[in-house]
PDB file of N, CA and C in Angstrom:
ATOM      1  N   MET A   1    -269.444 201.497  61.421  1.00  0.00           N
ATOM      2  CA  MET A   1    -268.274 201.735  60.598  1.00  0.00           C
ATOM      3  C   MET A   1    -268.608 201.313  59.167  1.00  0.00           C
ATOM      4  N   ASN A   2    -268.354 202.195  58.237  1.00  0.00           N
ATOM      5  CA  ASN A   2    -268.684 201.865  56.854  1.00  0.00           C
ATOM      6  C   ASN A   2    -267.494 201.189  56.165  1.00  0.00           C
ATOM      7  N   PRO A   3    -267.752 200.519  55.047  1.00  0.00           N
ATOM      8  CA  PRO A   3    -266.681 199.789  54.351  1.00  0.00           C
ATOM      9  C   PRO A   3    -265.511 200.674  53.931  1.00  0.00           C
ATOM     10  N   GLN A   4    -265.797 201.918  53.544  1.00  0.00           N
ATOM     11  CA  GLN A   4    -264.720 202.812  53.117  1.00  0.00           C
ATOM     12  C   GLN A   4    -263.728 203.065  54.252  1.00  0.00           C
ATOM     13  N   GLU A   5    -264.241 203.283  55.464  1.00  0.00           N
ATOM     14  CA  GLU A   5    -263.364 203.493  56.621  1.00  0.00           C
ATOM     15  C   GLU A   5    -262.522 202.252  56.897  1.00  0.00           C
ATOM     16  N   ILE A   6    -263.157 201.089  56.776  1.00  0.00           N
ATOM     17  CA  ILE A   6    -262.431 199.836  57.008  1.00  0.00           C
ATOM     18  C   ILE A   6    -261.329 199.660  55.970  1.00  0.00           C
ATOM     19  N   PHE A   7    -261.636 199.965  54.695  1.00  0.00           N
ATOM     20  CA  PHE A   7    -260.618 199.868  53.648  1.00  0.00           C
ATOM     21  C   PHE A   7    -259.452 200.823  53.915  1.00  0.00           C
ATOM     22  N   GLU A   8    -259.760 202.021  54.364  1.00  0.00           N
ATOM     23  CA  GLU A   8    -258.699 202.983  54.679  1.00  0.00           C
ATOM     24  C   GLU A   8    -257.824 202.475  55.823  1.00  0.00           C
ATOM     25  N   GLN A   9    -258.465 201.929  56.855  1.00  0.00           N
ATOM     26  CA  GLN A   9    -257.709 201.375  57.977  1.00  0.00           C
ATOM     27  C   GLN A   9    -256.890 200.167  57.536  1.00  0.00           C
ATOM     28  N   LEU A  10    -257.477 199.354  56.668  1.00  0.00           N
ATOM     29  CA  LEU A  10    -256.774 198.186  56.147  1.00  0.00           C
ATOM     30  C   LEU A  10    -255.541 198.606  55.355  1.00  0.00           C
ATOM     31  N   ASN A  11    -255.703 199.613  54.523  1.00  0.00           N
ATOM     32  CA  ASN A  11    -254.565 200.109  53.741  1.00  0.00           C
ATOM     33  C   ASN A  11    -253.476 200.692  54.639  1.00  0.00           C
ATOM     34  N   SER A  12    -253.878 201.405  55.684  1.00  0.00           N
ATOM     35  CA  SER A  12    -252.863 201.967  56.590  1.00  0.00           C
ATOM     36  C   SER A  12    -252.142 200.853  57.353  1.00  0.00           C
ATOM     37  N   CYS A  13    -252.861 199.788  57.698  1.00  0.00           N
ATOM     38  CA  CYS A  13    -252.224 198.652  58.369  1.00  0.00           C
ATOM     39  C   CYS A  13    -251.226 197.960  57.443  1.00  0.00           C
ATOM     40  N   ILE A  14    -251.609 197.801  56.188  1.00  0.00           N
ATOM     41  CA  ILE A  14    -250.720 197.160  55.216  1.00  0.00           C
ATOM     42  C   ILE A  14    -249.470 198.007  55.003  1.00  0.00           C
ATOM     43  N   LEU A  15    -249.648 199.313  54.919  1.00  0.00           N
ATOM     44  CA  LEU A  15    -248.502 200.216  54.771  1.00  0.00           C
ATOM     45  C   LEU A  15    -247.591 200.145  56.000  1.00  0.00           C
ATOM     46  N   ALA A  16    -248.198 200.140  57.180  1.00  0.00           N
ATOM     47  CA  ALA A  16    -247.415 200.045  58.419  1.00  0.00           C
ATOM     48  C   ALA A  16    -246.681 198.707  58.497  1.00  0.00           C
ATOM     49  N   LEU A  17    -247.315 197.647  58.016  1.00  0.00           N
ATOM     50  CA  LEU A  17    -246.674 196.335  58.014  1.00  0.00           C
ATOM     51  C   LEU A  17    -245.462 196.327  57.085  1.00  0.00           C
ATOM     52  N   SER A  18    -245.594 196.960  55.935  1.00  0.00           N
ATOM     53  CA  SER A  18    -244.460 197.050  55.004  1.00  0.00           C
ATOM     54  C   SER A  18    -243.300 197.828  55.626  1.00  0.00           C
ATOM     55  N   LYS A  19    -243.616 198.956  56.249  1.00  0.00           N
ATOM     56  CA  LYS A  19    -242.571 199.745  56.921  1.00  0.00           C
ATOM     57  C   LYS A  19    -241.971 198.953  58.082  1.00  0.00           C
ATOM     58  N   GLY A  20    -242.834 198.223  58.781  1.00  0.00           N
ATOM     59  CA  GLY A  20    -242.365 197.408  59.902  1.00  0.00           C
ATOM     60  C   GLY A  20    -241.417 196.309  59.460  1.00  0.00           C
ATOM     61  N   ASN A  21    -241.670 195.734  58.285  1.00  0.00           N
ATOM     62  CA  ASN A  21    -240.773 194.700  57.771  1.00  0.00           C
ATOM     63  C   ASN A  21    -239.391 195.264  57.477  1.00  0.00           C
ATOM     64  N   ILE A  22    -239.356 196.470  56.936  1.00  0.00           N
ATOM     65  CA  ILE A  22    -238.070 197.124  56.674  1.00  0.00           C
ATOM     66  C   ILE A  22    -237.345 197.399  57.994  1.00  0.00           C
ATOM     67  N   GLU A  23    -238.091 197.893  58.971  1.00  0.00           N
ATOM     68  CA  GLU A  23    -237.514 198.181  60.287  1.00  0.00           C
ATOM     69  C   GLU A  23    -237.047 196.886  60.962  1.00  0.00           C
ATOM     70  N   GLN A  24    -237.826 195.829  60.797  1.00  0.00           N
ATOM     71  CA  GLN A  24    -237.460 194.545  61.395  1.00  0.00           C
ATOM     72  C   GLN A  24    -236.150 194.026  60.799  1.00  0.00           C
ATOM     73  N   LYS A  25    -235.971 194.204  59.505  1.00  0.00           N
ATOM     74  CA  LYS A  25    -234.717 193.792  58.867  1.00  0.00           C
ATOM     75  C   LYS A  25    -233.550 194.601  59.430  1.00  0.00           C
ATOM     76  N   ARG A  26    -233.743 195.908  59.563  1.00  0.00           N
ATOM     77  CA  ARG A  26    -232.691 196.767  60.107  1.00  0.00           C
ATOM     78  C   ARG A  26    -232.339 196.351  61.535  1.00  0.00           C
ATOM     79  N   LEU A  27    -233.360 196.080  62.330  1.00  0.00           N
ATOM     80  CA  LEU A  27    -233.120 195.674  63.714  1.00  0.00           C
ATOM     81  C   LEU A  27    -232.461 194.298  63.792  1.00  0.00           C
ATOM     82  N   GLY A  28    -232.807 193.414  62.862  1.00  0.00           N
ATOM     83  CA  GLY A  28    -232.166 192.105  62.814  1.00  0.00           C
ATOM     84  C   GLY A  28    -230.681 192.219  62.509  1.00  0.00           C
ATOM     85  N   LEU A  29    -230.352 193.103  61.574  1.00  0.00           N
ATOM     86  CA  LEU A  29    -228.942 193.335  61.250  1.00  0.00           C
ATOM     87  C   LEU A  29    -228.204 193.954  62.437  1.00  0.00           C
ATOM     88  N   GLU A  30    -228.858 194.887  63.118  1.00  0.00           N
ATOM     89  CA  GLU A  30    -228.263 195.518  64.304  1.00  0.00           C
ATOM     90  C   GLU A  30    -228.050 194.484  65.407  1.00  0.00           C
ATOM     91  N   LYS A  31    -229.015 193.590  65.567  1.00  0.00           N
ATOM     92  CA  LYS A  31    -228.906 192.526  66.567  1.00  0.00           C
ATOM     93  C   LYS A  31    -227.704 191.634  66.269  1.00  0.00           C
ATOM     94  N   ALA A  32    -227.555 191.240  65.017  1.00  0.00           N
ATOM     95  CA  ALA A  32    -226.430 190.386  64.632  1.00  0.00           C
ATOM     96  C   ALA A  32    -225.092 191.107  64.821  1.00  0.00           C
ATOM     97  N   LYS A  33    -225.064 192.383  64.475  1.00  0.00           N
ATOM     98  CA  LYS A  33    -223.828 193.170  64.606  1.00  0.00           C
ATOM     99  C   LYS A  33    -223.407 193.291  66.068  1.00  0.00           C
ATOM    100  N   THR A  34    -224.365 193.597  66.946  1.00  0.00           N
ATOM    101  CA  THR A  34    -224.026 193.745  68.361  1.00  0.00           C
ATOM    102  C   THR A  34    -223.623 192.407  68.974  1.00  0.00           C
ATOM    103  N   GLU A  35    -224.259 191.331  68.523  1.00  0.00           N
ATOM    104  CA  GLU A  35    -223.881 189.992  69.006  1.00  0.00           C
ATOM    105  C   GLU A  35    -222.440 189.681  68.604  1.00  0.00           C
ATOM    106  N   ARG A  36    -222.088 189.984  67.362  1.00  0.00           N
ATOM    107  CA  ARG A  36    -220.728 189.738  66.873  1.00  0.00           C
ATOM    108  C   ARG A  36    -219.706 190.549  67.671  1.00  0.00           C
ATOM    109  N   GLU A  37    -219.995 191.832  67.879  1.00  0.00           N
ATOM    110  CA  GLU A  37    -219.066 192.683  68.632  1.00  0.00           C
ATOM    111  C   GLU A  37    -218.860 192.165  70.054  1.00  0.00           C
ATOM    112  N   TYR A  38    -219.957 191.736  70.678  1.00  0.00           N
ATOM    113  CA  TYR A  38    -219.855 191.216  72.042  1.00  0.00           C
ATOM    114  C   TYR A  38    -219.014 189.942  72.074  1.00  0.00           C
ATOM    115  N   ARG A  39    -219.294 189.028  71.172  1.00  0.00           N
ATOM    116  CA  ARG A  39    -218.560 187.754  71.169  1.00  0.00           C
ATOM    117  C   ARG A  39    -217.069 187.961  70.911  1.00  0.00           C
ATOM    118  N   ILE A  40    -216.750 188.875  70.006  1.00  0.00           N
ATOM    119  CA  ILE A  40    -215.332 189.158  69.727  1.00  0.00           C
ATOM    120  C   ILE A  40    -214.638 189.672  70.982  1.00  0.00           C
ATOM    121  N   LYS A  41    -215.239 190.658  71.642  1.00  0.00           N
ATOM    122  CA  LYS A  41    -214.633 191.238  72.848  1.00  0.00           C
ATOM    123  C   LYS A  41    -214.555 190.209  73.970  1.00  0.00           C
ATOM    124  N   PHE A  42    -215.619 189.440  74.143  1.00  0.00           N
ATOM    125  CA  PHE A  42    -215.664 188.423  75.196  1.00  0.00           C
ATOM    126  C   PHE A  42    -214.563 187.380  74.979  1.00  0.00           C
ATOM    127  N   ASN A  43    -214.437 186.904  73.749  1.00  0.00           N
ATOM    128  CA  ASN A  43    -213.414 185.895  73.459  1.00  0.00           C
ATOM    129  C   ASN A  43    -212.002 186.468  73.560  1.00  0.00           C
ATOM    130  N   GLN A  44    -211.823 187.726  73.170  1.00  0.00           N
ATOM    131  CA  GLN A  44    -210.515 188.368  73.334  1.00  0.00           C
ATOM    132  C   GLN A  44    -210.130 188.427  74.810  1.00  0.00           C
ATOM    133  N   LYS A  45    -211.094 188.805  75.628  1.00  0.00           N
ATOM    134  CA  LYS A  45    -210.833 188.901  77.069  1.00  0.00           C
ATOM    135  C   LYS A  45    -210.518 187.524  77.652  1.00  0.00           C
ATOM    136  N   MET A  46    -211.228 186.499  77.181  1.00  0.00           N
ATOM    137  CA  MET A  46    -210.948 185.142  77.660  1.00  0.00           C
ATOM    138  C   MET A  46    -209.525 184.719  77.285  1.00  0.00           C
ATOM    139  N   LEU A  47    -209.118 185.040  76.061  1.00  0.00           N
ATOM    140  CA  LEU A  47    -207.755 184.703  75.633  1.00  0.00           C
ATOM    141  C   LEU A  47    -206.705 185.460  76.446  1.00  0.00           C
ATOM    142  N   GLU A  48    -206.975 186.725  76.739  1.00  0.00           N
ATOM    143  CA  GLU A  48    -206.056 187.511  77.576  1.00  0.00           C
ATOM    144  C   GLU A  48    -205.904 186.874  78.957  1.00  0.00           C
ATOM    145  N   LEU A  49    -207.026 186.469  79.527  1.00  0.00           N
ATOM    146  CA  LEU A  49    -206.990 185.865  80.858  1.00  0.00           C
ATOM    147  C   LEU A  49    -206.268 184.520  80.833  1.00  0.00           C
ATOM    148  N   LYS A  50    -206.450 183.755  79.771  1.00  0.00           N
ATOM    149  CA  LYS A  50    -205.725 182.485  79.652  1.00  0.00           C
ATOM    150  C   LYS A  50    -204.229 182.735  79.524  1.00  0.00           C
ATOM    151  N   ALA A  51    -203.869 183.771  78.760  1.00  0.00           N
ATOM    152  CA  ALA A  51    -202.450 184.106  78.595  1.00  0.00           C
ATOM    153  C   ALA A  51    -201.833 184.567  79.910  1.00  0.00           C
ATOM    154  N   GLU A  52    -202.647 185.163  80.779  1.00  0.00           N
ATOM    155  CA  GLU A  52    -202.175 185.610  82.093  1.00  0.00           C
ATOM    156  C   GLU A  52    -202.176 184.482  83.120  1.00  0.00           C
ATOM    157  N   LYS A  53    -202.495 183.271  82.671  1.00  0.00           N
ATOM    158  CA  LYS A  53    -202.519 182.069  83.529  1.00  0.00           C
ATOM    159  C   LYS A  53    -203.537 182.193  84.662  1.00  0.00           C
ATOM    160  N   CYS A  54    -204.672 182.777  84.344  1.00  0.00           N
ATOM    161  CA  CYS A  54    -205.758 182.903  85.325  1.00  0.00           C
ATOM    162  C   CYS A  54    -206.397 181.524  85.513  1.00  0.00           C
ATOM    163  N   GLN A  55    -207.008 181.289  86.671  1.00  0.00           N
ATOM    164  CA  GLN A  55    -207.661 180.003  86.923  1.00  0.00           C
ATOM    165  C   GLN A  55    -208.753 179.764  85.884  1.00  0.00           C
ATOM    166  N   ALA A  56    -208.803 178.541  85.383  1.00  0.00           N
ATOM    167  CA  ALA A  56    -209.754 178.195  84.328  1.00  0.00           C
ATOM    168  C   ALA A  56    -211.201 178.387  84.779  1.00  0.00           C
ATOM    169  N   THR A  57    -211.468 178.141  86.046  1.00  0.00           N
ATOM    170  CA  THR A  57    -212.842 178.268  86.534  1.00  0.00           C
ATOM    171  C   THR A  57    -213.300 179.720  86.643  1.00  0.00           C
ATOM    172  N   LEU A  58    -212.357 180.654  86.667  1.00  0.00           N
ATOM    173  CA  LEU A  58    -212.705 182.068  86.806  1.00  0.00           C
ATOM    174  C   LEU A  58    -212.722 182.829  85.484  1.00  0.00           C
ATOM    175  N   ILE A  59    -212.134 182.254  84.452  1.00  0.00           N
ATOM    176  CA  ILE A  59    -211.944 182.985  83.196  1.00  0.00           C
ATOM    177  C   ILE A  59    -213.255 183.513  82.631  1.00  0.00           C
ATOM    178  N   GLN A  60    -214.265 182.666  82.553  1.00  0.00           N
ATOM    179  CA  GLN A  60    -215.529 183.099  81.946  1.00  0.00           C
ATOM    180  C   GLN A  60    -216.194 184.210  82.757  1.00  0.00           C
ATOM    181  N   ALA A  61    -216.203 184.070  84.068  1.00  0.00           N
ATOM    182  CA  ALA A  61    -216.818 185.095  84.921  1.00  0.00           C
ATOM    183  C   ALA A  61    -216.067 186.421  84.822  1.00  0.00           C
ATOM    184  N   LEU A  62    -214.746 186.350  84.798  1.00  0.00           N
ATOM    185  CA  LEU A  62    -213.954 187.575  84.693  1.00  0.00           C
ATOM    186  C   LEU A  62    -214.113 188.232  83.324  1.00  0.00           C
ATOM    187  N   ALA A  63    -214.219 187.416  82.285  1.00  0.00           N
ATOM    188  CA  ALA A  63    -214.400 187.966  80.936  1.00  0.00           C
ATOM    189  C   ALA A  63    -215.744 188.679  80.822  1.00  0.00           C
ATOM    190  N   LYS A  64    -216.776 188.108  81.434  1.00  0.00           N
ATOM    191  CA  LYS A  64    -218.102 188.742  81.388  1.00  0.00           C
ATOM    192  C   LYS A  64    -218.147 190.028  82.204  1.00  0.00           C
ATOM    193  N   SER A  65    -217.331 190.089  83.248  1.00  0.00           N
ATOM    194  CA  SER A  65    -217.365 191.275  84.114  1.00  0.00           C
ATOM    195  C   SER A  65    -216.464 192.402  83.615  1.00  0.00           C
ATOM    196  N   ASP A  66    -215.742 192.168  82.533  1.00  0.00           N
ATOM    197  CA  ASP A  66    -214.939 193.236  81.930  1.00  0.00           C
ATOM    198  C   ASP A  66    -215.875 194.378  81.531  1.00  0.00           C
ATOM    199  N   PRO A  67    -215.556 195.627  81.891  1.00  0.00           N
ATOM    200  CA  PRO A  67    -216.475 196.743  81.613  1.00  0.00           C
ATOM    201  C   PRO A  67    -216.868 196.882  80.142  1.00  0.00           C
ATOM    202  N   GLU A  68    -215.912 196.731  79.253  1.00  0.00           N
ATOM    203  CA  GLU A  68    -216.233 196.875  77.831  1.00  0.00           C
ATOM    204  C   GLU A  68    -217.110 195.718  77.346  1.00  0.00           C
ATOM    205  N   ALA A  69    -216.808 194.502  77.798  1.00  0.00           N
ATOM    206  CA  ALA A  69    -217.621 193.345  77.420  1.00  0.00           C
ATOM    207  C   ALA A  69    -219.032 193.474  77.997  1.00  0.00           C
ATOM    208  N   ALA A  70    -219.129 193.966  79.222  1.00  0.00           N
ATOM    209  CA  ALA A  70    -220.445 194.150  79.841  1.00  0.00           C
ATOM    210  C   ALA A  70    -221.268 195.194  79.089  1.00  0.00           C
ATOM    211  N   GLU A  71    -220.613 196.262  78.651  1.00  0.00           N
ATOM    212  CA  GLU A  71    -221.303 197.304  77.870  1.00  0.00           C
ATOM    213  C   GLU A  71    -221.807 196.734  76.543  1.00  0.00           C
ATOM    214  N   LEU A  72    -220.965 195.942  75.891  1.00  0.00           N
ATOM    215  CA  LEU A  72    -221.372 195.329  74.621  1.00  0.00           C
ATOM    216  C   LEU A  72    -222.493 194.312  74.834  1.00  0.00           C
ATOM    217  N   ALA A  73    -222.461 193.603  75.963  1.00  0.00           N
ATOM    218  CA  ALA A  73    -223.532 192.660  76.276  1.00  0.00           C
ATOM    219  C   ALA A  73    -224.854 193.401  76.471  1.00  0.00           C
ATOM    220  N   MET A  74    -224.792 194.554  77.129  1.00  0.00           N
ATOM    221  CA  MET A  74    -226.003 195.351  77.323  1.00  0.00           C
ATOM    222  C   MET A  74    -226.549 195.835  75.979  1.00  0.00           C
ATOM    223  N   LYS A  75    -225.672 196.323  75.101  1.00  0.00           N
ATOM    224  CA  LYS A  75    -226.110 196.769  73.777  1.00  0.00           C
ATOM    225  C   LYS A  75    -226.713 195.615  72.987  1.00  0.00           C
ATOM    226  N   ARG A  76    -226.114 194.439  73.127  1.00  0.00           N
ATOM    227  CA  ARG A  76    -226.643 193.250  72.456  1.00  0.00           C
ATOM    228  C   ARG A  76    -228.048 192.927  72.959  1.00  0.00           C
ATOM    229  N   ASP A  77    -228.228 192.970  74.268  1.00  0.00           N
ATOM    230  CA  ASP A  77    -229.532 192.667  74.854  1.00  0.00           C
ATOM    231  C   ASP A  77    -230.587 193.688  74.434  1.00  0.00           C
ATOM    232  N   ILE A  78    -230.207 194.955  74.359  1.00  0.00           N
ATOM    233  CA  ILE A  78    -231.140 196.000  73.923  1.00  0.00           C
ATOM    234  C   ILE A  78    -231.529 195.788  72.465  1.00  0.00           C
ATOM    235  N   ALA A  79    -230.550 195.458  71.630  1.00  0.00           N
ATOM    236  CA  ALA A  79    -230.830 195.213  70.209  1.00  0.00           C
ATOM    237  C   ALA A  79    -231.735 194.000  70.039  1.00  0.00           C
ATOM    238  N   GLU A  80    -231.506 192.979  70.839  1.00  0.00           N
ATOM    239  CA  GLU A  80    -232.341 191.779  70.772  1.00  0.00           C
ATOM    240  C   GLU A  80    -233.778 192.098  71.185  1.00  0.00           C
ATOM    241  N   SER A  81    -233.918 192.880  72.241  1.00  0.00           N
ATOM    242  CA  SER A  81    -235.243 193.274  72.708  1.00  0.00           C
ATOM    243  C   SER A  81    -235.987 194.093  71.653  1.00  0.00           C
ATOM    244  N   ALA A  82    -235.290 195.028  71.021  1.00  0.00           N
ATOM    245  CA  ALA A  82    -235.908 195.847  69.971  1.00  0.00           C
ATOM    246  C   ALA A  82    -236.337 194.983  68.793  1.00  0.00           C
ATOM    247  N   TYR A  83    -235.522 194.005  68.443  1.00  0.00           N
ATOM    248  CA  TYR A  83    -235.843 193.108  67.327  1.00  0.00           C
ATOM    249  C   TYR A  83    -237.115 192.313  67.623  1.00  0.00           C
ATOM    250  N   TYR A  84    -237.195 191.726  68.817  1.00  0.00           N
ATOM    251  CA  TYR A  84    -238.376 190.934  69.152  1.00  0.00           C
ATOM    252  C   TYR A  84    -239.615 191.806  69.360  1.00  0.00           C
ATOM    253  N   THR A  85    -239.423 193.040  69.761  1.00  0.00           N
ATOM    254  CA  THR A  85    -240.543 193.980  69.843  1.00  0.00           C
ATOM    255  C   THR A  85    -241.094 194.275  68.453  1.00  0.00           C
ATOM    256  N   ALA A  86    -240.205 194.417  67.477  1.00  0.00           N
ATOM    257  CA  ALA A  86    -240.636 194.649  66.090  1.00  0.00           C
ATOM    258  C   ALA A  86    -241.399 193.443  65.554  1.00  0.00           C
ATOM    259  N   ILE A  87    -240.968 192.247  65.910  1.00  0.00           N
ATOM    260  CA  ILE A  87    -241.685 191.038  65.490  1.00  0.00           C
ATOM    261  C   ILE A  87    -243.092 191.037  66.080  1.00  0.00           C
ATOM    262  N   SER A  88    -243.208 191.385  67.354  1.00  0.00           N
ATOM    263  CA  SER A  88    -244.528 191.441  67.999  1.00  0.00           C
ATOM    264  C   SER A  88    -245.420 192.490  67.346  1.00  0.00           C
ATOM    265  N   ALA A  89    -244.839 193.626  67.001  1.00  0.00           N
ATOM    266  CA  ALA A  89    -245.615 194.679  66.338  1.00  0.00           C
ATOM    267  C   ALA A  89    -246.130 194.193  64.987  1.00  0.00           C
ATOM    268  N   SER A  90    -245.307 193.457  64.258  1.00  0.00           N
ATOM    269  CA  SER A  90    -245.734 192.910  62.965  1.00  0.00           C
ATOM    270  C   SER A  90    -246.868 191.910  63.149  1.00  0.00           C
ATOM    271  N   GLU A  91    -246.753 191.076  64.167  1.00  0.00           N
ATOM    272  CA  GLU A  91    -247.817 190.108  64.445  1.00  0.00           C
ATOM    273  C   GLU A  91    -249.116 190.824  64.805  1.00  0.00           C
ATOM    274  N   ASN A  92    -249.017 191.901  65.582  1.00  0.00           N
ATOM    275  CA  ASN A  92    -250.208 192.675  65.941  1.00  0.00           C
ATOM    276  C   ASN A  92    -250.859 193.290  64.705  1.00  0.00           C
ATOM    277  N   LEU A  93    -250.041 193.800  63.788  1.00  0.00           N
ATOM    278  CA  LEU A  93    -250.590 194.372  62.553  1.00  0.00           C
ATOM    279  C   LEU A  93    -251.264 193.300  61.702  1.00  0.00           C
ATOM    280  N   ARG A  94    -250.674 192.118  61.649  1.00  0.00           N
ATOM    281  CA  ARG A  94    -251.303 191.022  60.895  1.00  0.00           C
ATOM    282  C   ARG A  94    -252.665 190.672  61.490  1.00  0.00           C
ATOM    283  N   LEU A  95    -252.733 190.645  62.821  1.00  0.00           N
ATOM    284  CA  LEU A  95    -254.014 190.371  63.473  1.00  0.00           C
ATOM    285  C   LEU A  95    -255.033 191.464  63.166  1.00  0.00           C
ATOM    286  N   GLU A  96    -254.590 192.703  63.192  1.00  0.00           N
ATOM    287  CA  GLU A  96    -255.492 193.815  62.887  1.00  0.00           C
ATOM    288  C   GLU A  96    -255.997 193.723  61.449  1.00  0.00           C
ATOM    289  N   ILE A  97    -255.123 193.328  60.536  1.00  0.00           N
ATOM    290  CA  ILE A  97    -255.535 193.149  59.139  1.00  0.00           C
ATOM    291  C   ILE A  97    -256.590 192.055  59.038  1.00  0.00           C
ATOM    292  N   GLU A  98    -256.392 190.960  59.750  1.00  0.00           N
ATOM    293  CA  GLU A  98    -257.380 189.877  59.740  1.00  0.00           C
ATOM    294  C   GLU A  98    -258.720 190.343  60.311  1.00  0.00           C
ATOM    295  N   ILE A  99    -258.676 191.160  61.349  1.00  0.00           N
ATOM    296  CA  ILE A  99    -259.915 191.693  61.930  1.00  0.00           C
ATOM    297  C   ILE A  99    -260.644 192.561  60.913  1.00  0.00           C
ATOM    298  N   LYS A 100    -259.901 193.422  60.228  1.00  0.00           N
ATOM    299  CA  LYS A 100    -260.523 194.293  59.212  1.00  0.00           C
ATOM    300  C   LYS A 100    -261.122 193.470  58.084  1.00  0.00           C
ATOM    301  N   ARG A 101    -260.424 192.421  57.679  1.00  0.00           N
ATOM    302  CA  ARG A 101    -260.962 191.552  56.625  1.00  0.00           C
ATOM    303  C   ARG A 101    -262.244 190.858  57.098  1.00  0.00           C
ATOM    304  N   SER A 102    -262.259 190.442  58.357  1.00  0.00           N
ATOM    305  CA  SER A 102    -263.460 189.815  58.916  1.00  0.00           C
ATOM    306  C   SER A 102    -264.619 190.803  58.977  1.00  0.00           C
ATOM    307  N   GLN A 103    -264.308 192.044  59.333  1.00  0.00           N
ATOM    308  CA  GLN A 103    -265.355 193.068  59.369  1.00  0.00           C
ATOM    309  C   GLN A 103    -265.931 193.297  57.977  1.00  0.00           C
ATOM    310  N   LEU A 104    -265.071 193.335  56.977  1.00  0.00           N
ATOM    311  CA  LEU A 104    -265.554 193.516  55.599  1.00  0.00           C
ATOM    312  C   LEU A 104    -266.419 192.340  55.158  1.00  0.00           C
ATOM    313  N   THR A 105    -266.009 191.138  55.518  1.00  0.00           N
ATOM    314  CA  THR A 105    -266.801 189.952  55.179  1.00  0.00           C
ATOM    315  C   THR A 105    -268.160 190.009  55.862  1.00  0.00           C
ATOM    316  N   TRP A 106    -268.163 190.404  57.119  1.00  0.00           N
ATOM    317  CA  TRP A 106    -269.417 190.502  57.859  1.00  0.00           C
ATOM    318  C   TRP A 106    -270.329 191.553  57.222  1.00  0.00           C
ATOM    319  N   LEU A 107    -269.774 192.716  56.874  1.00  0.00           N
ATOM    320  CA  LEU A 107    -270.576 193.764  56.236  1.00  0.00           C
ATOM    321  C   LEU A 107    -271.134 193.300  54.894  1.00  0.00           C
ATOM    322  N   ARG A 108    -270.320 192.582  54.120  1.00  0.00           N
ATOM    323  CA  ARG A 108    -270.791 192.068  52.838  1.00  0.00           C
ATOM    324  C   ARG A 108    -271.950 191.097  53.043  1.00  0.00           C
ATOM    325  N   THR A 109    -271.831 190.239  54.045  1.00  0.00           N
ATOM    326  CA  THR A 109    -272.900 189.289  54.347  1.00  0.00           C
ATOM    327  C   THR A 109    -274.162 190.021  54.781  1.00  0.00           C
ATOM    328  N   GLU A 110    -273.997 191.046  55.608  1.00  0.00           N
ATOM    329  CA  GLU A 110    -275.143 191.837  56.057  1.00  0.00           C
ATOM    330  C   GLU A 110    -275.832 192.530  54.881  1.00  0.00           C
ATOM    331  N   LEU A 111    -275.053 193.057  53.961  1.00  0.00           N
ATOM    332  CA  LEU A 111    -275.638 193.718  52.788  1.00  0.00           C
ATOM    333  C   LEU A 111    -276.368 192.730  51.897  1.00  0.00           C
ATOM    334  N   ASN A 112    -275.820 191.532  51.751  1.00  0.00           N
ATOM    335  CA  ASN A 112    -276.467 190.514  50.922  1.00  0.00           C
ATOM    336  C   ASN A 112    -277.757 190.008  51.554  1.00  0.00           C
ATOM    337  N   ASN A 113    -277.830 190.001  52.866  1.00  0.00           N
ATOM    338  CA  ASN A 113    -279.014 189.514  53.569  1.00  0.00           C
ATOM    339  C   ASN A 113    -280.109 190.572  53.688  1.00  0.00           C
ATOM    340  N   SER A 114    -279.795 191.815  53.417  1.00  0.00           N
ATOM    341  CA  SER A 114    -280.818 192.850  53.577  1.00  0.00           C
ATOM    342  C   SER A 114    -281.474 193.215  52.271  1.00  0.00           C
TER     343      SER A 114
END
């Protein structure tokens, strides 16, 4: 692999990392939004159950099993998973950038020694 190819790959990794950071921010906002929606619905359901004089030990379980709250919990979990997947992708790109930099250093050393 010649240095020019490594530089091109390095530049594409840096570009992908920049795009990934933007995507990670978007996913972080989506994660926070879905968490907020879930908590609002969950707490509303808990208040409804308390107003209906439901047993205190059952309120939390019944609130979680509400179909709308369960749907929002699923969306929250999916958003959280996507967010952490984006973080992992960014970490992988950083590692790839470090590998490319190491390859360039090695090639420079090889050229200086020959």
